[in-house]
């Protein structure tokens, strides 16, 4: 487990795929104003490391741990090193690479590797992962997630990702099984969305999650 207290975070990871460096601070501020504290820029976004460094400089100055900002789609050790070099404190991957997990955790990053199978999930936890990203959750389905969660160590952070929208119908079944948070992509942010659309989507996700968490 890393040095940061995830219990103090709002457990929705904003995945702002495709964001441009000149827009990233503005978009992040909208999300933060609506309650988000965890922001991920996938590395297949334009000039992603530039965007991540800007987020680090804006929100993690003086070792601030109020927010988690960093990268997604961190598929290799070299990519992990590049992300860590920006000062980011969040590493999210679509795959389960033990070396990426160990390197990221050692650097003090909250680390959520992508898993689908029990073998991947237990391998990720053995490598020290903060939690697991169920990706794509559609590959598991509700029955698959329920079966997986029944054998995971108690308290394992499970964040389904893929196709989540800001409705009770989308989020409640997964939360009932054991999802403690979510990674949110195109339903929250797409590069062609207006600031008002992004704010509206963020507000809806936060509202629904808070309602279901009561």
C-alpha atoms as a PDB file:
ATOM      1  CA  UNK A   1       0.000   0.000   0.000  1.00  0.00           C
ATOM      2  CA  UNK A   2       1.283   3.451  -0.795  1.00  0.00           C
ATOM      3  CA  UNK A   3       1.725   6.331   1.606  1.00  0.00           C
ATOM      4  CA  UNK A   4      -1.426   8.148   0.524  1.00  0.00           C
ATOM      5  CA  UNK A   5      -4.741   7.796   2.318  1.00  0.00           C
ATOM      6  CA  UNK A   6      -7.245   6.727  -0.304  1.00  0.00           C
ATOM      7  CA  UNK A   7     -10.027   6.899   2.260  1.00  0.00           C
ATOM      8  CA  UNK A   8      -9.803  10.675   1.975  1.00  0.00           C
ATOM      9  CA  UNK A   9     -10.372  10.571  -1.780  1.00  0.00           C
ATOM     10  CA  UNK A  10     -13.600  10.596  -3.740  1.00  0.00           C
ATOM     11  CA  UNK A  11     -13.289   7.183  -5.425  1.00  0.00           C
ATOM     12  CA  UNK A  12     -14.145   8.106  -8.987  1.00  0.00           C
ATOM     13  CA  UNK A  13     -11.194   8.319 -11.375  1.00  0.00           C
ATOM     14  CA  UNK A  14     -11.774  10.841 -14.165  1.00  0.00           C
ATOM     15  CA  UNK A  15     -10.247   9.473 -17.367  1.00  0.00           C
ATOM     16  CA  UNK A  16      -9.725  12.458 -19.655  1.00  0.00           C
ATOM     17  CA  UNK A  17      -8.573  10.660 -22.765  1.00  0.00           C
ATOM     18  CA  UNK A  18      -7.655  12.925 -25.663  1.00  0.00           C
ATOM     19  CA  UNK A  19      -7.256  16.081 -23.599  1.00  0.00           C
ATOM     20  CA  UNK A  20      -4.782  18.637 -24.935  1.00  0.00           C
ATOM     21  CA  UNK A  21      -2.107  20.200 -22.697  1.00  0.00           C
ATOM     22  CA  UNK A  22      -3.562  23.676 -23.145  1.00  0.00           C
ATOM     23  CA  UNK A  23      -6.957  22.451 -21.919  1.00  0.00           C
ATOM     24  CA  UNK A  24      -5.982  20.058 -19.143  1.00  0.00           C
ATOM     25  CA  UNK A  25      -5.883  22.483 -16.195  1.00  0.00           C
ATOM     26  CA  UNK A  26      -9.216  24.048 -17.144  1.00  0.00           C
ATOM     27  CA  UNK A  27     -10.871  20.645 -17.479  1.00  0.00           C
ATOM     28  CA  UNK A  28      -9.324  19.372 -14.241  1.00  0.00           C
ATOM     29  CA  UNK A  29     -10.567  22.415 -12.341  1.00  0.00           C
ATOM     30  CA  UNK A  30     -14.115  21.777 -13.553  1.00  0.00           C
ATOM     31  CA  UNK A  31     -13.916  18.182 -12.362  1.00  0.00           C
ATOM     32  CA  UNK A  32     -12.390  19.158  -9.015  1.00  0.00           C
ATOM     33  CA  UNK A  33     -15.029  21.830  -8.472  1.00  0.00           C
ATOM     34  CA  UNK A  34     -17.665  19.112  -8.856  1.00  0.00           C
ATOM     35  CA  UNK A  35     -15.981  16.810  -6.357  1.00  0.00           C
ATOM     36  CA  UNK A  36     -13.393  14.723  -8.220  1.00  0.00           C
ATOM     37  CA  UNK A  37      -9.988  14.204  -6.600  1.00  0.00           C
ATOM     38  CA  UNK A  38      -8.474  11.582  -8.938  1.00  0.00           C
ATOM     39  CA  UNK A  39      -7.604  12.484 -12.530  1.00  0.00           C
ATOM     40  CA  UNK A  40      -5.997  10.268 -15.142  1.00  0.00           C
ATOM     41  CA  UNK A  41      -4.576  11.304 -18.520  1.00  0.00           C
ATOM     42  CA  UNK A  42      -4.166   8.174 -20.684  1.00  0.00           C
ATOM     43  CA  UNK A  43      -0.764   8.035 -22.369  1.00  0.00           C
ATOM     44  CA  UNK A  44      -2.410   7.646 -25.774  1.00  0.00           C
ATOM     45  CA  UNK A  45      -3.636  11.239 -25.466  1.00  0.00           C
ATOM     46  CA  UNK A  46      -1.780  13.977 -27.389  1.00  0.00           C
ATOM     47  CA  UNK A  47       1.383  15.053 -25.521  1.00  0.00           C
ATOM     48  CA  UNK A  48       0.126  13.187 -22.471  1.00  0.00           C
ATOM     49  CA  UNK A  49       3.289  13.615 -20.392  1.00  0.00           C
ATOM     50  CA  UNK A  50       3.097  17.385 -20.903  1.00  0.00           C
ATOM     51  CA  UNK A  51      -0.502  17.368 -19.661  1.00  0.00           C
ATOM     52  CA  UNK A  52       0.416  15.224 -16.668  1.00  0.00           C
ATOM     53  CA  UNK A  53       3.324  17.491 -15.735  1.00  0.00           C
ATOM     54  CA  UNK A  54       1.007  20.487 -15.866  1.00  0.00           C
ATOM     55  CA  UNK A  55      -1.419  18.722 -13.529  1.00  0.00           C
ATOM     56  CA  UNK A  56       1.433  17.829 -11.180  1.00  0.00           C
ATOM     57  CA  UNK A  57       2.696  21.421 -11.107  1.00  0.00           C
ATOM     58  CA  UNK A  58      -0.810  22.765 -10.506  1.00  0.00           C
ATOM     59  CA  UNK A  59      -2.187  20.290  -7.981  1.00  0.00           C
ATOM     60  CA  UNK A  60       0.672  18.364  -6.372  1.00  0.00           C
ATOM     61  CA  UNK A  61       2.917  21.296  -5.558  1.00  0.00           C
ATOM     62  CA  UNK A  62       4.764  20.991  -2.216  1.00  0.00           C
ATOM     63  CA  UNK A  63       3.903  17.278  -2.049  1.00  0.00           C
ATOM     64  CA  UNK A  64       0.191  17.975  -1.719  1.00  0.00           C
ATOM     65  CA  UNK A  65      -1.679  14.675  -1.289  1.00  0.00           C
ATOM     66  CA  UNK A  66      -5.158  16.127  -1.551  1.00  0.00           C
ATOM     67  CA  UNK A  67      -5.357  14.890  -5.138  1.00  0.00           C
ATOM     68  CA  UNK A  68      -4.199  11.969  -7.218  1.00  0.00           C
ATOM     69  CA  UNK A  69      -3.138  12.912 -10.741  1.00  0.00           C
ATOM     70  CA  UNK A  70      -1.259  10.828 -13.240  1.00  0.00           C
ATOM     71  CA  UNK A  71      -1.479   8.510 -16.180  1.00  0.00           C
ATOM     72  CA  UNK A  72      -3.507   5.714 -17.637  1.00  0.00           C
ATOM     73  CA  UNK A  73      -2.543   3.210 -20.323  1.00  0.00           C
ATOM     74  CA  UNK A  74       0.823   2.688 -18.625  1.00  0.00           C
ATOM     75  CA  UNK A  75       1.649  -0.599 -20.324  1.00  0.00           C
ATOM     76  CA  UNK A  76       5.433  -0.892 -19.931  1.00  0.00           C
ATOM     77  CA  UNK A  77       8.168  -0.261 -17.399  1.00  0.00           C
ATOM     78  CA  UNK A  78       9.613   2.531 -19.533  1.00  0.00           C
ATOM     79  CA  UNK A  79       6.250   4.262 -19.701  1.00  0.00           C
ATOM     80  CA  UNK A  80       5.936   3.949 -15.944  1.00  0.00           C
ATOM     81  CA  UNK A  81       9.373   5.540 -15.521  1.00  0.00           C
ATOM     82  CA  UNK A  82       8.354   8.407 -17.815  1.00  0.00           C
ATOM     83  CA  UNK A  83       5.192   9.018 -15.780  1.00  0.00           C
ATOM     84  CA  UNK A  84       6.998   8.821 -12.443  1.00  0.00           C
ATOM     85  CA  UNK A  85       9.515  11.370 -13.725  1.00  0.00           C
ATOM     86  CA  UNK A  86       6.721  13.957 -14.006  1.00  0.00           C
ATOM     87  CA  UNK A  87       6.052  13.704 -10.270  1.00  0.00           C
ATOM     88  CA  UNK A  88       2.660  12.035 -10.777  1.00  0.00           C
ATOM     89  CA  UNK A  89       1.161  10.006  -7.931  1.00  0.00           C
ATOM     90  CA  UNK A  90      -1.335   7.892  -9.904  1.00  0.00           C
ATOM     91  CA  UNK A  91      -0.570   5.052 -12.325  1.00  0.00           C
ATOM     92  CA  UNK A  92      -3.373   3.123 -14.022  1.00  0.00           C
ATOM     93  CA  UNK A  93      -2.823   0.327 -16.503  1.00  0.00           C
ATOM     94  CA  UNK A  94      -5.017  -1.734 -18.839  1.00  0.00           C
ATOM     95  CA  UNK A  95      -2.872  -4.832 -18.216  1.00  0.00           C
ATOM     96  CA  UNK A  96      -1.246  -6.625 -15.284  1.00  0.00           C
ATOM     97  CA  UNK A  97       2.518  -6.141 -15.415  1.00  0.00           C
ATOM     98  CA  UNK A  98       4.095  -6.931 -12.009  1.00  0.00           C
ATOM     99  CA  UNK A  99       7.207  -4.866 -12.753  1.00  0.00           C
ATOM    100  CA  UNK A 100       5.136  -1.787 -13.588  1.00  0.00           C
ATOM    101  CA  UNK A 101       3.194  -2.249 -10.354  1.00  0.00           C
ATOM    102  CA  UNK A 102       6.301  -2.682  -8.187  1.00  0.00           C
ATOM    103  CA  UNK A 103       8.072   0.283  -9.776  1.00  0.00           C
ATOM    104  CA  UNK A 104       5.045   2.556  -9.408  1.00  0.00           C
ATOM    105  CA  UNK A 105       4.350   1.582  -5.813  1.00  0.00           C
ATOM    106  CA  UNK A 106       8.014   2.046  -4.916  1.00  0.00           C
ATOM    107  CA  UNK A 107       7.771   5.583  -6.324  1.00  0.00           C
ATOM    108  CA  UNK A 108       4.803   6.347  -4.056  1.00  0.00           C
ATOM    109  CA  UNK A 109       2.096   6.162  -6.712  1.00  0.00           C
ATOM    110  CA  UNK A 110      -1.395   4.820  -6.172  1.00  0.00           C
ATOM    111  CA  UNK A 111      -1.454   1.997  -8.698  1.00  0.00           C
ATOM    112  CA  UNK A 112      -4.482   0.342 -10.283  1.00  0.00           C
ATOM    113  CA  UNK A 113      -3.614  -2.393 -12.811  1.00  0.00           C
ATOM    114  CA  UNK A 114      -6.207  -3.756 -15.200  1.00  0.00           C
ATOM    115  CA  UNK A 115      -7.361  -7.307 -14.495  1.00  0.00           C
ATOM    116  CA  UNK A 116     -10.090  -9.683 -15.642  1.00  0.00           C
ATOM    117  CA  UNK A 117      -9.125 -13.078 -14.217  1.00  0.00           C
ATOM    118  CA  UNK A 118      -8.460 -14.263 -10.656  1.00  0.00           C
ATOM    119  CA  UNK A 119      -4.881 -15.075 -11.653  1.00  0.00           C
ATOM    120  CA  UNK A 120      -4.319 -11.485 -12.777  1.00  0.00           C
ATOM    121  CA  UNK A 121      -6.070 -10.056  -9.721  1.00  0.00           C
ATOM    122  CA  UNK A 122      -4.033 -12.051  -7.206  1.00  0.00           C
ATOM    123  CA  UNK A 123      -0.841 -11.394  -9.163  1.00  0.00           C
ATOM    124  CA  UNK A 124      -1.530  -7.665  -9.033  1.00  0.00           C
ATOM    125  CA  UNK A 125      -2.162  -7.718  -5.294  1.00  0.00           C
ATOM    126  CA  UNK A 126       0.952  -9.822  -4.687  1.00  0.00           C
ATOM    127  CA  UNK A 127       2.976  -7.208  -6.594  1.00  0.00           C
ATOM    128  CA  UNK A 128       1.621  -4.560  -4.215  1.00  0.00           C
ATOM    129  CA  UNK A 129      -1.162  -2.907  -6.221  1.00  0.00           C
ATOM    130  CA  UNK A 130      -3.222  -0.289  -4.405  1.00  0.00           C
ATOM    131  CA  UNK A 131      -6.364  -1.777  -5.920  1.00  0.00           C
ATOM    132  CA  UNK A 132      -7.534  -3.443  -9.097  1.00  0.00           C
ATOM    133  CA  UNK A 133      -9.113  -2.005 -12.202  1.00  0.00           C
ATOM    134  CA  UNK A 134     -11.729  -4.402 -13.570  1.00  0.00           C
ATOM    135  CA  UNK A 135     -11.208  -3.778 -17.261  1.00  0.00           C
ATOM    136  CA  UNK A 136     -13.202  -4.130 -19.274  1.00  0.00           C
ATOM    137  CA  UNK A 137     -15.871  -4.876 -16.708  1.00  0.00           C
ATOM    138  CA  UNK A 138     -18.124  -5.992 -19.553  1.00  0.00           C
ATOM    139  CA  UNK A 139     -15.801  -8.973 -20.070  1.00  0.00           C
ATOM    140  CA  UNK A 140     -16.456 -10.060 -16.490  1.00  0.00           C
ATOM    141  CA  UNK A 141     -20.108  -9.170 -16.294  1.00  0.00           C
ATOM    142  CA  UNK A 142     -21.921  -8.951 -12.987  1.00  0.00           C
ATOM    143  CA  UNK A 143     -21.746 -12.697 -12.374  1.00  0.00           C
ATOM    144  CA  UNK A 144     -18.015 -12.778 -13.109  1.00  0.00           C
ATOM    145  CA  UNK A 145     -17.323  -9.823 -10.839  1.00  0.00           C
ATOM    146  CA  UNK A 146     -19.387 -11.380  -8.062  1.00  0.00           C
ATOM    147  CA  UNK A 147     -17.447 -14.640  -8.315  1.00  0.00           C
ATOM    148  CA  UNK A 148     -14.094 -12.828  -8.399  1.00  0.00           C
ATOM    149  CA  UNK A 149     -14.941 -10.568  -5.488  1.00  0.00           C
ATOM    150  CA  UNK A 150     -15.960 -13.560  -3.370  1.00  0.00           C
ATOM    151  CA  UNK A 151     -12.384 -14.851  -3.348  1.00  0.00           C
ATOM    152  CA  UNK A 152     -10.455 -11.574  -3.146  1.00  0.00           C
ATOM    153  CA  UNK A 153      -8.937 -10.498   0.189  1.00  0.00           C
ATOM    154  CA  UNK A 154     -11.432  -8.512   2.232  1.00  0.00           C
ATOM    155  CA  UNK A 155     -11.127  -4.803   1.584  1.00  0.00           C
ATOM    156  CA  UNK A 156      -9.590  -5.121  -1.899  1.00  0.00           C
ATOM    157  CA  UNK A 157     -10.301  -1.912  -3.804  1.00  0.00           C
ATOM    158  CA  UNK A 158     -12.223  -2.846  -6.956  1.00  0.00           C
ATOM    159  CA  UNK A 159     -12.794  -0.148  -9.576  1.00  0.00           C
ATOM    160  CA  UNK A 160     -14.834  -1.286 -12.600  1.00  0.00           C
ATOM    161  CA  UNK A 161     -13.977   0.573 -15.801  1.00  0.00           C
ATOM    162  CA  UNK A 162     -15.635   0.572 -19.216  1.00  0.00           C
ATOM    163  CA  UNK A 163     -19.117   1.650 -20.222  1.00  0.00           C
ATOM    164  CA  UNK A 164     -20.144   3.174 -16.872  1.00  0.00           C
ATOM    165  CA  UNK A 165     -22.708   5.961 -17.150  1.00  0.00           C
ATOM    166  CA  UNK A 166     -24.044   8.283 -14.432  1.00  0.00           C
ATOM    167  CA  UNK A 167     -27.231   6.365 -13.694  1.00  0.00           C
ATOM    168  CA  UNK A 168     -28.283   4.156 -10.816  1.00  0.00           C
ATOM    169  CA  UNK A 169     -28.996   1.384 -13.331  1.00  0.00           C
ATOM    170  CA  UNK A 170     -25.355   1.432 -14.439  1.00  0.00           C
ATOM    171  CA  UNK A 171     -23.620   1.879 -11.078  1.00  0.00           C
ATOM    172  CA  UNK A 172     -25.819   0.258  -8.431  1.00  0.00           C
ATOM    173  CA  UNK A 173     -25.507  -3.406  -9.535  1.00  0.00           C
ATOM    174  CA  UNK A 174     -21.715  -3.176  -9.455  1.00  0.00           C
ATOM    175  CA  UNK A 175     -21.667  -1.333  -6.126  1.00  0.00           C
ATOM    176  CA  UNK A 176     -23.982  -3.960  -4.663  1.00  0.00           C
ATOM    177  CA  UNK A 177     -21.424  -6.613  -5.603  1.00  0.00           C
ATOM    178  CA  UNK A 178     -18.508  -4.733  -4.081  1.00  0.00           C
ATOM    179  CA  UNK A 179     -17.274  -1.930  -6.338  1.00  0.00           C
ATOM    180  CA  UNK A 180     -15.831   0.824  -4.140  1.00  0.00           C
ATOM    181  CA  UNK A 181     -15.269   3.223  -7.017  1.00  0.00           C
ATOM    182  CA  UNK A 182     -15.147   3.527 -10.790  1.00  0.00           C
ATOM    183  CA  UNK A 183     -12.964   4.710 -13.617  1.00  0.00           C
ATOM    184  CA  UNK A 184     -15.024   6.986 -15.849  1.00  0.00           C
ATOM    185  CA  UNK A 185     -14.204   7.634 -19.469  1.00  0.00           C
ATOM    186  CA  UNK A 186     -16.260   8.838 -22.408  1.00  0.00           C
ATOM    187  CA  UNK A 187     -19.482   9.292 -20.424  1.00  0.00           C
ATOM    188  CA  UNK A 188     -17.638  11.913 -18.378  1.00  0.00           C
ATOM    189  CA  UNK A 189     -15.254  13.474 -20.876  1.00  0.00           C
ATOM    190  CA  UNK A 190     -14.691  13.571 -24.607  1.00  0.00           C
ATOM    191  CA  UNK A 191     -12.537  16.212 -26.310  1.00  0.00           C
ATOM    192  CA  UNK A 192     -15.516  17.555 -28.277  1.00  0.00           C
ATOM    193  CA  UNK A 193     -17.609  18.214 -25.154  1.00  0.00           C
ATOM    194  CA  UNK A 194     -18.214  21.769 -24.007  1.00  0.00           C
ATOM    195  CA  UNK A 195     -17.211  22.859 -20.516  1.00  0.00           C
ATOM    196  CA  UNK A 196     -20.900  22.925 -19.604  1.00  0.00           C
ATOM    197  CA  UNK A 197     -21.382  19.342 -20.803  1.00  0.00           C
ATOM    198  CA  UNK A 198     -18.351  18.177 -18.826  1.00  0.00           C
ATOM    199  CA  UNK A 199     -19.589  19.911 -15.696  1.00  0.00           C
ATOM    200  CA  UNK A 200     -23.063  18.437 -16.112  1.00  0.00           C
ATOM    201  CA  UNK A 201     -21.675  14.922 -16.541  1.00  0.00           C
ATOM    202  CA  UNK A 202     -19.348  15.331 -13.542  1.00  0.00           C
ATOM    203  CA  UNK A 203     -22.194  16.606 -11.388  1.00  0.00           C
ATOM    204  CA  UNK A 204     -24.381  13.655 -12.399  1.00  0.00           C
ATOM    205  CA  UNK A 205     -21.705  11.055 -11.624  1.00  0.00           C
ATOM    206  CA  UNK A 206     -20.906  12.583  -8.224  1.00  0.00           C
ATOM    207  CA  UNK A 207     -24.577  12.892  -7.309  1.00  0.00           C
ATOM    208  CA  UNK A 208     -25.443   9.325  -8.277  1.00  0.00           C
ATOM    209  CA  UNK A 209     -22.411   7.823  -6.546  1.00  0.00           C
ATOM    210  CA  UNK A 210     -23.066   9.759  -3.329  1.00  0.00           C
ATOM    211  CA  UNK A 211     -26.717   8.711  -3.351  1.00  0.00           C
ATOM    212  CA  UNK A 212     -25.813   5.044  -3.799  1.00  0.00           C
ATOM    213  CA  UNK A 213     -23.105   5.210  -1.140  1.00  0.00           C
ATOM    214  CA  UNK A 214     -25.498   6.235   1.640  1.00  0.00           C
END
